[in-house]
C-alpha atoms as a PDB file:
ATOM      1  CA  UNK A   1      71.388  60.212  83.264  1.00  0.00           C
ATOM      2  CA  UNK A   2      71.540  63.646  81.761  1.00  0.00           C
ATOM      3  CA  UNK A   3      68.805  65.105  79.592  1.00  0.00           C
ATOM      4  CA  UNK A   4      69.073  68.175  77.460  1.00  0.00           C
ATOM      5  CA  UNK A   5      65.375  69.024  77.992  1.00  0.00           C
ATOM      6  CA  UNK A   6      66.063  69.508  81.813  1.00  0.00           C
ATOM      7  CA  UNK A   7      66.019  73.160  83.000  1.00  0.00           C
ATOM      8  CA  UNK A   8      69.374  74.701  83.944  1.00  0.00           C
ATOM      9  CA  UNK A   9      67.964  75.979  87.312  1.00  0.00           C
ATOM     10  CA  UNK A  10      65.517  74.208  89.587  1.00  0.00           C
ATOM     11  CA  UNK A  11      63.392  75.723  92.251  1.00  0.00           C
ATOM     12  CA  UNK A  12      64.349  74.643  95.819  1.00  0.00           C
ATOM     13  CA  UNK A  13      61.910  72.287  97.478  1.00  0.00           C
ATOM     14  CA  UNK A  14      62.520  73.806 100.929  1.00  0.00           C
ATOM     15  CA  UNK A  15      59.557  76.273 100.479  1.00  0.00           C
ATOM     16  CA  UNK A  16      61.686  79.211  99.503  1.00  0.00           C
ATOM     17  CA  UNK A  17      61.901  81.093  96.273  1.00  0.00           C
ATOM     18  CA  UNK A  18      65.643  80.053  95.693  1.00  0.00           C
ATOM     19  CA  UNK A  19      66.935  78.228  92.751  1.00  0.00           C
ATOM     20  CA  UNK A  20      69.902  75.872  92.361  1.00  0.00           C
ATOM     21  CA  UNK A  21      71.953  74.583  89.484  1.00  0.00           C
ATOM     22  CA  UNK A  22      70.382  71.417  88.035  1.00  0.00           C
ATOM     23  CA  UNK A  23      73.123  68.729  87.733  1.00  0.00           C
ATOM     24  CA  UNK A  24      70.946  66.703  85.294  1.00  0.00           C
ATOM     25  CA  UNK A  25      71.433  69.450  82.710  1.00  0.00           C
ATOM     26  CA  UNK A  26      74.874  69.618  81.072  1.00  0.00           C
ATOM     27  CA  UNK A  27      75.017  73.446  81.440  1.00  0.00           C
ATOM     28  CA  UNK A  28      73.997  73.175  85.113  1.00  0.00           C
ATOM     29  CA  UNK A  29      76.686  70.595  85.713  1.00  0.00           C
ATOM     30  CA  UNK A  30      79.319  72.761  83.974  1.00  0.00           C
ATOM     31  CA  UNK A  31      78.246  75.759  86.169  1.00  0.00           C
ATOM     32  CA  UNK A  32      78.612  73.630  89.320  1.00  0.00           C
ATOM     33  CA  UNK A  33      82.125  72.580  88.266  1.00  0.00           C
ATOM     34  CA  UNK A  34      83.111  76.135  87.264  1.00  0.00           C
ATOM     35  CA  UNK A  35      81.822  77.482  90.546  1.00  0.00           C
ATOM     36  CA  UNK A  36      83.769  74.986  92.586  1.00  0.00           C
ATOM     37  CA  UNK A  37      87.028  75.672  90.689  1.00  0.00           C
ATOM     38  CA  UNK A  38      86.531  79.446  91.072  1.00  0.00           C
ATOM     39  CA  UNK A  39      85.755  79.217  94.728  1.00  0.00           C
ATOM     40  CA  UNK A  40      88.705  76.835  95.412  1.00  0.00           C
ATOM     41  CA  UNK A  41      91.149  79.104  93.465  1.00  0.00           C
ATOM     42  CA  UNK A  42      90.006  82.151  95.444  1.00  0.00           C
ATOM     43  CA  UNK A  43      90.354  80.336  98.762  1.00  0.00           C
ATOM     44  CA  UNK A  44      93.913  79.269  97.812  1.00  0.00           C
ATOM     45  CA  UNK A  45      94.739  82.907  96.843  1.00  0.00           C
ATOM     46  CA  UNK A  46      93.296  84.253 100.086  1.00  0.00           C
ATOM     47  CA  UNK A  47      95.264  81.728 102.169  1.00  0.00           C
ATOM     48  CA  UNK A  48      98.593  82.590 100.392  1.00  0.00           C
ATOM     49  CA  UNK A  49      97.792  86.332 100.296  1.00  0.00           C
ATOM     50  CA  UNK A  50      98.386  86.462  96.624  1.00  0.00           C
ATOM     51  CA  UNK A  51      96.832  87.925  93.507  1.00  0.00           C
ATOM     52  CA  UNK A  52      94.052  90.454  94.464  1.00  0.00           C
ATOM     53  CA  UNK A  53      94.584  89.562  98.173  1.00  0.00           C
ATOM     54  CA  UNK A  54      98.252  90.700  98.211  1.00  0.00           C
ATOM     55  CA  UNK A  55      98.853  93.328 100.838  1.00  0.00           C
ATOM     56  CA  UNK A  56      99.974  96.711  99.758  1.00  0.00           C
ATOM     57  CA  UNK A  57     103.646  97.317  99.780  1.00  0.00           C
ATOM     58  CA  UNK A  58     105.089  98.941 103.014  1.00  0.00           C
ATOM     59  CA  UNK A  59     105.708 102.647 102.522  1.00  0.00           C
ATOM     60  CA  UNK A  60     109.340 103.764 102.505  1.00  0.00           C
ATOM     61  CA  UNK A  61     110.546 105.328 105.774  1.00  0.00           C
ATOM     62  CA  UNK A  62     110.360 109.074 105.942  1.00  0.00           C
ATOM     63  CA  UNK A  63     113.678 110.671 104.968  1.00  0.00           C
ATOM     64  CA  UNK A  64     114.026 114.446 105.085  1.00  0.00           C
ATOM     65  CA  UNK A  65     115.468 116.130 102.090  1.00  0.00           C
ATOM     66  CA  UNK A  66     119.197 116.781 102.108  1.00  0.00           C
ATOM     67  CA  UNK A  67     120.183 120.041 103.871  1.00  0.00           C
ATOM     68  CA  UNK A  68     121.888 122.198 101.223  1.00  0.00           C
ATOM     69  CA  UNK A  69     121.322 125.791 102.650  1.00  0.00           C
ATOM     70  CA  UNK A  70     123.942 127.290 104.788  1.00  0.00           C
ATOM     71  CA  UNK A  71     123.423 130.620 106.556  1.00  0.00           C
ATOM     72  CA  UNK A  72     126.242 132.977 106.866  1.00  0.00           C
ATOM     73  CA  UNK A  73     127.799 132.871 110.423  1.00  0.00           C
ATOM     74  CA  UNK A  74     126.867 135.772 112.692  1.00  0.00           C
ATOM     75  CA  UNK A  75     130.541 136.072 113.619  1.00  0.00           C
ATOM     76  CA  UNK A  76     131.725 136.590 110.084  1.00  0.00           C
ATOM     77  CA  UNK A  77     130.945 140.318 110.239  1.00  0.00           C
ATOM     78  CA  UNK A  78     129.883 142.584 107.402  1.00  0.00           C
ATOM     79  CA  UNK A  79     130.863 141.663 103.892  1.00  0.00           C
ATOM     80  CA  UNK A  80     134.286 142.794 102.777  1.00  0.00           C
ATOM     81  CA  UNK A  81     135.079 146.218 101.143  1.00  0.00           C
END
């Protein structure tokens, strides 16, 4: 049974100062469902390496620029008259 006067968070009864979502409150129940859906979606994305977990693309192989410069041949001799 759900009551609107229940708190959204309850203190843990394990002697710690932690809180947990209260499923007796509609907002607490909604937070539980949203958290489970979010974590499940992130786990599926991680398993498929998709979305923010997609690996970076492989860099293109190094290719030197085309060789356009040609030096004069040492056997050509001095320039013409």
